[in-house]
Amino acid sequence: MAARCRTGPTCSASTTSRACSPNSSRSAPRSPDDGSHLGRRRIVAGFERRLRRRKFWGEVRKGGRAPRRAIPAPARPTPRDPRHGPRVSDRKSSGFERRLRRRKSLGGGSDGAQSPPPRERRLAERVLRLEAEGILALVPRLGDAFVRAVQCLHECRGRVIVSGMGKSGLIGRKIAATLASTGTPAYFLHPAEGVHGDLGIVARGDVILAISNSGETGEMLAILEHLKRLGTPIVLMTGNPQSTLARQCDVVLDLSVAEEACPMNLAPTTSTTAVLAMGDALAMVLLDRKGLRPEGYAALHPRGTLGWRALFRVADLMHTGDGVPVVHEEMAMKDVIVEMTAKRLGVTTVVDATGRLVGVVTDGDLRRLHLREGSILGLRARDCMTRNPKVIGAGELAARALEMMESFAITSLAIVGAAEKPVGLIHLHDILRAKIV
């Protein structure tokens, strides 16, 4: 007779099925202490631990932190274990420290410590240092050749024609502009255009200022013979005093440099800077020899800031004649106020019986006196005026008048003529309208 299934009436298997047969492993009852039952408990416990661990690491990867109850037992490796790598907060801290170190290396550290400069800064420092050394190396060479070059340019009755090819040509354009703006008429001649008709700008009496670092520039050699045929003196600035060009020029300035600032020692850098500096030196020496004053420089720069400052004088801007407010020192303050109001300058000059300037009355004087004395209508001009007023000559620069106003914190200056009589008045607004500043 088949054994009865111990699962009861809910079992869907037949009483003769293999699953409920006496030979099946599920058919025999097992005690709680049976080893197979203990194995199942261990399997379930292991599965739960893996589930908790998976849940824990999933939350950590999302940027959060798992609850403490989800952390496995201490016997197991924890997220802090070095074998599991740094925690998210540790990784963030490491990234912040790297960014901080990088910022300090670029000179942006908050502690003010000087970190070693990056490669770009070291390269820039090298360029500046080499170019500075190249300029300083020219100082000992300011000998007879430089003196003869200055003399040749100074005695020029025509114009200085500056010529150069490539980078030397670009530097030459700047030198020509500097010479022209400092009182030495100068033009730039492109050597390649010169052999195609532009040599016509060169005339007898001109002086040629040629620039060639190698001294072997083909375009410069092509126009040299034609320039010599005109009999024009030639001053050469070159880095090769033994070159073909140097042997055919009247004055040779040695501008050779030890090394170009280019890392490959190819691009014209130190050499062009040396030529530019020497050109400025020639222009400034010529400026001094010609005796050029700020007024003359301003005449060449009429629309520049310096031109405005140097061209305008006090006489060009001051009020004269009936436009100058003048009262007698015995005049009543009511009449003084009428004069100040009519001339609309906020000030009036005060003269004595001989017409000599003895003081001024300003709007500020009226306000201060009114606050101190009350009514001022019963007073005279001599009672309210400021004695020994600031004055300026009509021939002074308007910029000088502005400097005096700023220095003494005033808005107007009187101009006196013979016998110290007021002949004009200049106000701050007059200077501002002229766009001196």
Protein backbone atom coordinates (compact mmCIF):
# COMPACT_ATOMS: atom_id res chain seq x y z
CA MET A 1 0.00 0.00 0.00
CA ALA A 2 1.37 3.40 -0.97
CA ALA A 3 2.39 5.71 1.83
CA ARG A 4 0.21 8.72 2.55
CA CYS A 5 1.67 12.10 1.48
CA ARG A 6 2.68 14.10 4.52
CA THR A 7 1.82 17.40 2.84
CA GLY A 8 -1.80 16.63 3.37
CA PRO A 9 -4.79 17.07 1.10
CA THR A 10 -3.38 20.20 -0.53
CA CYS A 11 -0.75 18.23 -2.34
CA SER A 12 -1.59 17.91 -6.03
CA ALA A 13 0.62 14.91 -6.53
CA SER A 14 -0.63 11.38 -6.68
CA THR A 15 -0.12 9.10 -3.67
CA THR A 16 1.87 6.96 -5.98
CA SER A 17 3.88 9.86 -7.47
CA ARG A 18 7.62 9.82 -7.25
CA ALA A 19 7.75 13.14 -5.41
CA CYS A 20 5.74 11.69 -2.52
CA SER A 21 7.08 8.24 -2.63
CA PRO A 22 8.97 6.70 0.31
CA ASN A 23 12.13 6.87 -1.83
CA SER A 24 11.87 10.66 -2.38
CA SER A 25 14.08 12.95 -0.28
CA ARG A 26 11.10 15.10 0.61
CA SER A 27 8.94 12.24 1.76
CA ALA A 28 10.80 11.39 4.95
CA PRO A 29 10.30 13.65 8.00
CA ARG A 30 13.44 15.39 9.34
CA SER A 31 14.17 16.53 12.83
CA PRO A 32 15.14 20.16 13.59
CA ASP A 33 18.70 19.05 14.31
CA ASP A 34 19.15 17.43 10.93
CA GLY A 35 22.22 18.63 9.01
CA SER A 36 20.26 19.20 5.79
CA HIS A 37 17.94 21.64 7.55
CA LEU A 38 20.93 23.55 8.96
CA GLY A 39 22.40 23.80 5.48
CA ARG A 40 19.27 25.43 4.16
CA ARG A 41 19.42 28.02 6.95
CA ARG A 42 23.01 28.84 6.05
CA ILE A 43 22.08 29.23 2.38
CA VAL A 44 19.27 31.62 3.27
CA ALA A 45 21.52 33.62 5.61
CA GLY A 46 24.23 33.89 2.93
CA PHE A 47 21.70 35.04 0.39
CA GLU A 48 20.41 37.74 2.77
CA ARG A 49 23.95 38.97 3.42
CA ARG A 50 24.66 39.23 -0.29
CA LEU A 51 21.39 41.09 -0.76
CA ARG A 52 22.24 43.55 2.00
CA ARG A 53 25.75 44.07 0.61
CA ARG A 54 24.39 44.65 -2.90
CA LYS A 55 21.86 47.14 -1.59
CA PHE A 56 24.57 48.93 0.42
CA TRP A 57 26.99 49.33 -2.51
CA GLY A 58 24.17 50.36 -4.83
CA GLU A 59 23.31 53.28 -2.55
CA VAL A 60 26.96 54.23 -2.21
CA ARG A 61 27.39 54.37 -5.99
CA LYS A 62 24.40 56.67 -6.23
CA GLY A 63 26.22 59.14 -3.96
CA GLY A 64 24.38 58.38 -0.74
CA ARG A 65 25.28 56.45 2.34
CA ALA A 66 23.60 53.24 3.41
CA PRO A 67 21.98 53.07 6.85
CA ARG A 68 24.16 51.66 9.59
CA ARG A 69 21.89 48.64 9.91
CA ALA A 70 22.69 47.76 6.29
CA ILE A 71 26.46 47.62 6.92
CA PRO A 72 27.66 44.01 7.05
CA ALA A 73 29.11 42.51 10.17
CA PRO A 74 32.50 43.89 11.29
CA ALA A 75 34.09 40.55 10.47
CA ARG A 76 33.37 41.18 6.81
CA PRO A 77 35.37 43.75 4.77
CA THR A 78 33.75 47.17 5.17
CA PRO A 79 33.59 50.00 2.61
CA ARG A 80 36.44 51.61 4.54
CA ASP A 81 38.65 48.60 3.85
CA PRO A 82 41.56 49.71 1.60
CA ARG A 83 40.98 46.68 -0.56
CA HIS A 84 37.66 48.17 -1.62
CA GLY A 85 39.21 51.49 -2.75
CA PRO A 86 38.54 54.98 -1.34
CA ARG A 87 35.08 56.05 -0.33
CA VAL A 88 33.23 58.64 -2.43
CA SER A 89 33.99 61.37 0.10
CA ASP A 90 37.65 60.38 0.01
CA ARG A 91 37.66 60.52 -3.77
CA LYS A 92 36.07 63.98 -3.71
CA SER A 93 38.64 65.17 -1.19
CA SER A 94 41.47 63.84 -3.33
CA GLY A 95 40.09 65.68 -6.38
CA PHE A 96 39.82 68.90 -4.41
CA GLU A 97 43.40 68.55 -3.22
CA ARG A 98 44.58 68.00 -6.79
CA ARG A 99 42.77 71.12 -7.98
CA LEU A 100 44.23 73.10 -5.07
CA ARG A 101 47.76 71.94 -5.89
CA ARG A 102 47.22 72.85 -9.54
CA ARG A 103 45.97 76.32 -8.59
CA LYS A 104 48.97 76.90 -6.36
CA SER A 105 51.30 75.85 -9.15
CA LEU A 106 49.75 78.59 -11.33
CA GLY A 107 50.36 81.20 -8.65
CA GLY A 108 46.83 81.29 -7.28
CA GLY A 109 47.43 79.72 -3.90
CA SER A 110 45.74 81.40 -0.97
CA ASP A 111 48.73 81.05 1.29
CA GLY A 112 50.80 83.44 -0.88
CA ALA A 113 53.65 80.94 -1.26
CA GLN A 114 55.58 81.18 -4.53
CA SER A 115 55.30 77.88 -6.33
CA PRO A 116 57.60 76.87 -9.16
CA PRO A 117 56.35 78.56 -12.39
CA PRO A 118 54.78 76.40 -15.10
CA ARG A 119 56.51 75.71 -18.37
CA GLU A 120 54.74 78.57 -20.16
CA ARG A 121 55.85 81.08 -17.58
CA ARG A 122 59.42 79.86 -17.68
CA LEU A 123 59.43 80.25 -21.45
CA ALA A 124 58.00 83.78 -21.23
CA GLU A 125 60.60 84.73 -18.63
CA ARG A 126 63.33 83.43 -20.90
CA VAL A 127 62.05 85.51 -23.83
CA LEU A 128 61.91 88.72 -21.78
CA ARG A 129 65.30 88.08 -20.23
CA LEU A 130 67.01 87.39 -23.56
CA GLU A 131 65.49 90.45 -25.21
CA ALA A 132 66.46 92.66 -22.27
CA GLU A 133 69.99 91.32 -22.39
CA GLY A 134 70.08 91.92 -26.15
CA ILE A 135 69.23 95.60 -25.63
CA LEU A 136 71.73 96.05 -22.79
CA ALA A 137 74.44 94.49 -24.95
CA LEU A 138 74.10 97.48 -27.33
CA VAL A 139 75.20 100.01 -24.70
CA PRO A 140 78.94 99.26 -24.95
CA ARG A 141 78.70 99.60 -28.76
CA LEU A 142 77.55 103.22 -28.68
CA GLY A 143 80.85 104.41 -30.11
CA ASP A 144 82.04 106.36 -33.12
CA ALA A 145 79.68 104.58 -35.49
CA PHE A 146 76.65 105.75 -33.51
CA VAL A 147 77.97 109.32 -33.39
CA ARG A 148 78.53 109.34 -37.18
CA ALA A 149 75.04 107.89 -37.75
CA VAL A 150 73.47 110.65 -35.66
CA GLN A 151 75.54 113.30 -37.44
CA CYS A 152 74.56 111.93 -40.83
CA LEU A 153 70.86 111.93 -39.98
CA HIS A 154 71.01 115.35 -38.32
CA GLU A 155 72.68 116.98 -41.35
CA CYS A 156 70.12 115.48 -43.73
CA ARG A 157 68.57 118.28 -45.82
CA GLY A 158 65.93 116.04 -47.30
CA ARG A 159 64.18 113.09 -45.68
CA VAL A 160 65.29 109.93 -43.95
CA ILE A 161 64.26 106.93 -46.07
CA VAL A 162 63.94 103.80 -43.92
CA SER A 163 64.00 100.49 -45.76
CA GLY A 164 63.87 96.84 -44.71
CA MET A 165 62.39 93.50 -45.76
CA GLY A 166 60.14 91.16 -43.77
CA LYS A 167 60.24 91.64 -40.01
CA SER A 168 62.98 94.21 -40.43
CA GLY A 169 60.62 96.14 -42.69
CA LEU A 170 57.88 96.14 -40.05
CA ILE A 171 60.34 97.46 -37.49
CA GLY A 172 61.50 100.02 -40.07
CA ARG A 173 57.96 101.33 -40.48
CA LYS A 174 57.79 102.00 -36.76
CA ILE A 175 61.18 103.73 -36.73
CA ALA A 176 60.12 105.93 -39.67
CA ALA A 177 56.92 106.87 -37.80
CA THR A 178 58.88 107.71 -34.65
CA LEU A 179 61.34 109.89 -36.57
CA ALA A 180 58.53 111.75 -38.35
CA SER A 181 56.65 112.40 -35.11
CA THR A 182 59.73 113.80 -33.38
CA GLY A 183 60.74 116.38 -35.96
CA THR A 184 62.77 114.34 -38.47
CA PRO A 185 60.93 113.94 -41.80
CA ALA A 186 61.00 110.23 -42.68
CA TYR A 187 59.39 107.78 -45.08
CA PHE A 188 59.43 104.01 -45.39
CA LEU A 189 60.48 102.41 -48.66
CA HIS A 190 59.66 98.77 -49.27
CA PRO A 191 62.69 97.32 -51.13
CA ALA A 192 60.58 94.96 -53.25
CA GLU A 193 58.40 97.87 -54.38
CA GLY A 194 61.46 100.04 -54.79
CA VAL A 195 62.78 98.06 -57.75
CA HIS A 196 59.37 98.43 -59.42
CA GLY A 197 59.15 102.22 -59.41
CA ASP A 198 59.02 103.36 -55.78
CA LEU A 199 62.69 104.40 -55.88
CA GLY A 200 61.31 107.65 -57.24
CA ILE A 201 60.63 108.89 -53.70
CA VAL A 202 64.39 109.01 -53.05
CA ALA A 203 66.05 112.28 -54.00
CA ARG A 204 69.45 113.85 -53.61
CA GLY A 205 69.90 115.14 -50.10
CA ASP A 206 68.06 112.21 -48.52
CA VAL A 207 69.68 109.70 -46.16
CA ILE A 208 68.98 105.97 -46.30
CA LEU A 209 68.52 104.06 -43.03
CA ALA A 210 68.69 100.40 -44.09
CA ILE A 211 67.82 97.44 -41.88
CA SER A 212 68.98 93.87 -42.52
CA ASN A 213 69.83 91.40 -39.80
CA SER A 214 71.75 89.06 -42.10
CA GLY A 215 73.20 91.78 -44.30
CA GLU A 216 72.55 89.54 -47.30
CA THR A 217 68.89 90.35 -48.08
CA GLY A 218 68.46 90.06 -51.83
CA GLU A 219 65.88 92.83 -52.17
CA MET A 220 68.09 95.25 -50.23
CA LEU A 221 71.10 94.38 -52.41
CA ALA A 222 68.96 94.97 -55.52
CA ILE A 223 68.20 98.63 -54.64
CA LEU A 224 71.61 99.38 -53.12
CA GLU A 225 73.35 100.13 -56.41
CA HIS A 226 70.63 102.54 -57.51
CA LEU A 227 70.76 104.35 -54.14
CA LYS A 228 74.52 104.72 -54.33
CA ARG A 229 74.18 106.14 -57.86
CA LEU A 230 72.13 109.01 -56.35
CA GLY A 231 74.93 109.70 -53.89
CA THR A 232 72.72 109.30 -50.82
CA PRO A 233 74.52 108.36 -47.60
CA ILE A 234 73.50 104.93 -46.29
CA VAL A 235 73.36 104.00 -42.60
CA LEU A 236 72.96 100.26 -42.04
CA MET A 237 71.65 98.54 -38.91
CA THR A 238 72.68 94.89 -39.13
CA GLY A 239 73.54 91.84 -37.08
CA ASN A 240 76.40 90.94 -39.44
CA PRO A 241 78.99 93.73 -39.75
CA GLN A 242 81.02 91.63 -42.23
CA SER A 243 78.16 91.12 -44.69
CA THR A 244 77.88 92.25 -48.29
CA LEU A 245 75.59 95.13 -47.40
CA ALA A 246 77.87 96.29 -44.60
CA ARG A 247 80.86 96.55 -46.95
CA GLN A 248 78.98 98.96 -49.25
CA CYS A 249 77.37 101.27 -46.64
CA ASP A 250 78.80 104.50 -45.21
CA VAL A 251 77.95 103.83 -41.54
CA VAL A 252 77.38 100.39 -40.01
CA LEU A 253 75.73 99.89 -36.61
CA ASP A 254 76.48 96.47 -35.14
CA LEU A 255 73.24 95.12 -33.62
CA SER A 256 74.19 91.47 -33.44
CA VAL A 257 72.65 89.41 -30.63
CA ALA A 258 73.93 86.27 -28.93
CA GLU A 259 70.68 84.32 -29.27
CA GLU A 260 67.14 84.74 -30.53
CA ALA A 261 64.41 84.37 -27.91
CA CYS A 262 62.72 81.78 -30.13
CA PRO A 263 63.09 78.27 -28.58
CA MET A 264 64.37 77.11 -31.98
CA ASN A 265 66.64 80.17 -32.32
CA LEU A 266 64.99 80.90 -35.68
CA ALA A 267 62.18 83.48 -35.44
CA PRO A 268 63.43 87.11 -35.32
CA THR A 269 62.75 88.16 -31.73
CA THR A 270 65.79 89.44 -29.86
CA SER A 271 67.27 90.87 -33.05
CA THR A 272 64.13 92.84 -33.98
CA THR A 273 63.82 94.16 -30.43
CA ALA A 274 67.43 95.36 -30.57
CA VAL A 275 66.80 97.16 -33.89
CA LEU A 276 63.66 98.79 -32.52
CA ALA A 277 65.51 100.00 -29.41
CA MET A 278 68.37 101.42 -31.48
CA GLY A 279 65.90 103.21 -33.73
CA ASP A 280 64.31 104.82 -30.68
CA ALA A 281 67.76 105.84 -29.44
CA LEU A 282 68.54 107.54 -32.76
CA ALA A 283 65.17 109.33 -32.79
CA MET A 284 65.53 110.63 -29.25
CA VAL A 285 69.07 111.91 -29.79
CA LEU A 286 67.92 113.70 -32.95
CA LEU A 287 64.95 115.15 -31.05
CA ASP A 288 67.34 116.58 -28.48
CA ARG A 289 69.70 117.98 -31.13
CA LYS A 290 66.84 119.69 -32.94
CA GLY A 291 65.67 121.24 -29.67
CA LEU A 292 62.09 120.03 -30.05
CA ARG A 293 59.89 121.41 -27.25
CA PRO A 294 56.48 120.16 -26.07
CA GLU A 295 54.85 122.88 -28.16
CA GLY A 296 56.56 121.62 -31.29
CA TYR A 297 55.68 118.03 -30.48
CA ALA A 298 52.05 119.07 -29.93
CA ALA A 299 52.01 120.78 -33.32
CA LEU A 300 52.80 117.39 -34.85
CA HIS A 301 50.04 115.75 -32.79
CA PRO A 302 47.16 118.26 -32.93
CA ARG A 303 44.50 115.68 -32.12
CA GLY A 304 46.43 113.81 -29.46
CA THR A 305 46.01 114.34 -25.75
CA LEU A 306 49.41 115.98 -25.45
CA GLY A 307 48.59 118.19 -28.42
CA TRP A 308 45.49 119.55 -26.73
CA ARG A 309 47.35 120.11 -23.47
CA ALA A 310 50.31 121.86 -25.09
CA LEU A 311 48.52 123.95 -27.73
CA PHE A 312 45.96 125.70 -25.54
CA ARG A 313 47.13 128.54 -23.36
CA VAL A 314 45.31 130.57 -20.76
CA ALA A 315 45.02 133.50 -23.17
CA ASP A 316 43.08 131.26 -25.59
CA LEU A 317 40.41 130.35 -23.04
CA MET A 318 40.13 133.20 -20.51
CA HIS A 319 37.29 135.72 -20.27
CA THR A 320 38.36 139.24 -21.16
CA GLY A 321 36.90 142.76 -21.36
CA ASP A 322 33.33 143.07 -20.16
CA GLY A 323 33.26 139.33 -19.50
CA VAL A 324 35.50 139.77 -16.45
CA PRO A 325 33.54 140.43 -13.23
CA VAL A 326 35.12 143.38 -11.37
CA VAL A 327 33.89 145.28 -8.26
CA HIS A 328 35.41 147.99 -6.11
CA GLU A 329 36.40 147.06 -2.59
CA GLU A 330 34.00 149.69 -1.15
CA MET A 331 31.02 148.36 -3.11
CA ALA A 332 28.02 147.11 -1.11
CA MET A 333 27.50 143.38 -1.04
CA LYS A 334 24.14 143.73 -2.80
CA ASP A 335 25.90 145.20 -5.83
CA VAL A 336 28.64 142.55 -5.56
CA ILE A 337 26.00 139.79 -5.77
CA VAL A 338 24.41 141.52 -8.77
CA GLU A 339 27.78 141.57 -10.58
CA MET A 340 28.46 137.92 -9.79
CA THR A 341 25.00 136.92 -10.99
CA ALA A 342 25.32 138.89 -14.23
CA LYS A 343 28.69 137.39 -15.21
CA ARG A 344 27.64 133.84 -14.17
CA LEU A 345 31.09 132.66 -13.15
CA GLY A 346 30.46 132.23 -9.44
CA VAL A 347 33.25 134.69 -8.63
CA THR A 348 34.24 138.33 -8.99
CA THR A 349 37.53 140.16 -8.73
CA VAL A 350 37.91 142.98 -6.22
CA VAL A 351 40.11 146.02 -7.00
CA ASP A 352 41.22 149.04 -5.01
CA ALA A 353 41.09 152.72 -5.99
CA THR A 354 44.03 152.28 -8.40
CA GLY A 355 42.50 149.25 -10.11
CA ARG A 356 44.98 146.81 -8.58
CA LEU A 357 43.67 143.34 -7.75
CA VAL A 358 43.30 142.96 -3.98
CA GLY A 359 40.98 139.96 -3.65
CA VAL A 360 38.12 137.86 -4.96
CA VAL A 361 34.63 137.03 -3.73
CA THR A 362 33.24 133.59 -4.53
CA ASP A 363 29.94 131.83 -3.98
CA GLY A 364 31.64 129.83 -1.23
CA ASP A 365 32.66 133.03 0.56
CA LEU A 366 29.05 134.23 0.52
CA ARG A 367 27.70 130.99 1.94
CA ARG A 368 30.28 130.73 4.69
CA LEU A 369 29.89 134.38 5.67
CA HIS A 370 26.10 134.11 5.72
CA LEU A 371 26.25 131.10 8.05
CA ARG A 372 28.70 132.89 10.32
CA GLU A 373 27.36 136.48 10.34
CA GLY A 374 23.74 136.17 9.25
CA SER A 375 22.72 138.96 6.89
CA ILE A 376 25.58 140.21 4.69
CA LEU A 377 23.78 142.93 2.74
CA GLY A 378 25.12 145.62 5.05
CA LEU A 379 28.75 144.63 4.47
CA ARG A 380 31.26 145.86 1.89
CA ALA A 381 33.23 143.84 -0.64
CA ARG A 382 36.44 144.28 1.38
CA ASP A 383 34.69 142.63 4.37
CA CYS A 384 33.85 139.46 2.45
CA MET A 385 36.66 139.03 -0.07
CA THR A 386 39.48 136.49 0.03
CA ARG A 387 42.76 138.41 -0.01
CA ASN A 388 45.85 137.42 -2.03
CA PRO A 389 43.95 135.41 -4.65
CA LYS A 390 45.63 132.86 -6.90
CA VAL A 391 46.68 134.30 -10.25
CA ILE A 392 48.27 132.98 -13.44
CA GLY A 393 49.88 134.53 -16.50
CA ALA A 394 48.08 134.72 -19.82
CA GLY A 395 50.97 132.95 -21.55
CA GLU A 396 50.85 129.88 -19.29
CA LEU A 397 49.52 126.58 -20.58
CA ALA A 398 45.87 125.86 -19.86
CA ALA A 399 47.03 122.53 -18.44
CA ARG A 400 49.07 124.47 -15.86
CA ALA A 401 45.96 126.43 -14.86
CA LEU A 402 44.11 123.15 -14.38
CA GLU A 403 46.91 121.82 -12.19
CA MET A 404 46.73 124.94 -9.99
CA MET A 405 42.97 124.61 -9.62
CA GLU A 406 43.28 121.01 -8.56
CA SER A 407 46.14 121.80 -6.18
CA PHE A 408 44.33 124.62 -4.36
CA ALA A 409 40.79 123.15 -4.69
CA ILE A 410 39.45 126.22 -6.50
CA THR A 411 37.46 126.68 -9.70
CA SER A 412 38.84 129.94 -11.14
CA LEU A 413 42.05 131.93 -11.54
CA ALA A 414 42.55 135.63 -12.18
CA ILE A 415 44.92 136.86 -14.88
CA VAL A 416 46.71 140.11 -14.14
CA GLY A 417 48.57 142.42 -16.47
CA ALA A 418 50.61 145.54 -15.92
CA ALA A 419 50.37 147.14 -12.46
CA GLU A 420 48.63 143.96 -11.24
CA LYS A 421 45.33 144.96 -12.82
CA PRO A 422 42.95 142.08 -13.68
CA VAL A 423 42.78 141.54 -17.43
CA GLY A 424 41.05 138.18 -17.52
CA LEU A 425 39.52 135.28 -15.64
CA ILE A 426 39.63 131.57 -16.46
CA HIS A 427 37.15 129.10 -15.00
CA LEU A 428 37.39 125.35 -14.66
CA HIS A 429 34.52 124.90 -17.10
CA ASP A 430 36.45 126.82 -19.76
CA ILE A 431 39.22 124.23 -19.58
CA LEU A 432 36.80 121.31 -19.61
CA ARG A 433 35.00 122.68 -22.66
CA ALA A 434 38.33 122.81 -24.49
CA LYS A 435 38.77 119.07 -23.73
CA ILE A 436 42.14 119.56 -22.10
CA VAL A 437 41.30 116.50 -19.99
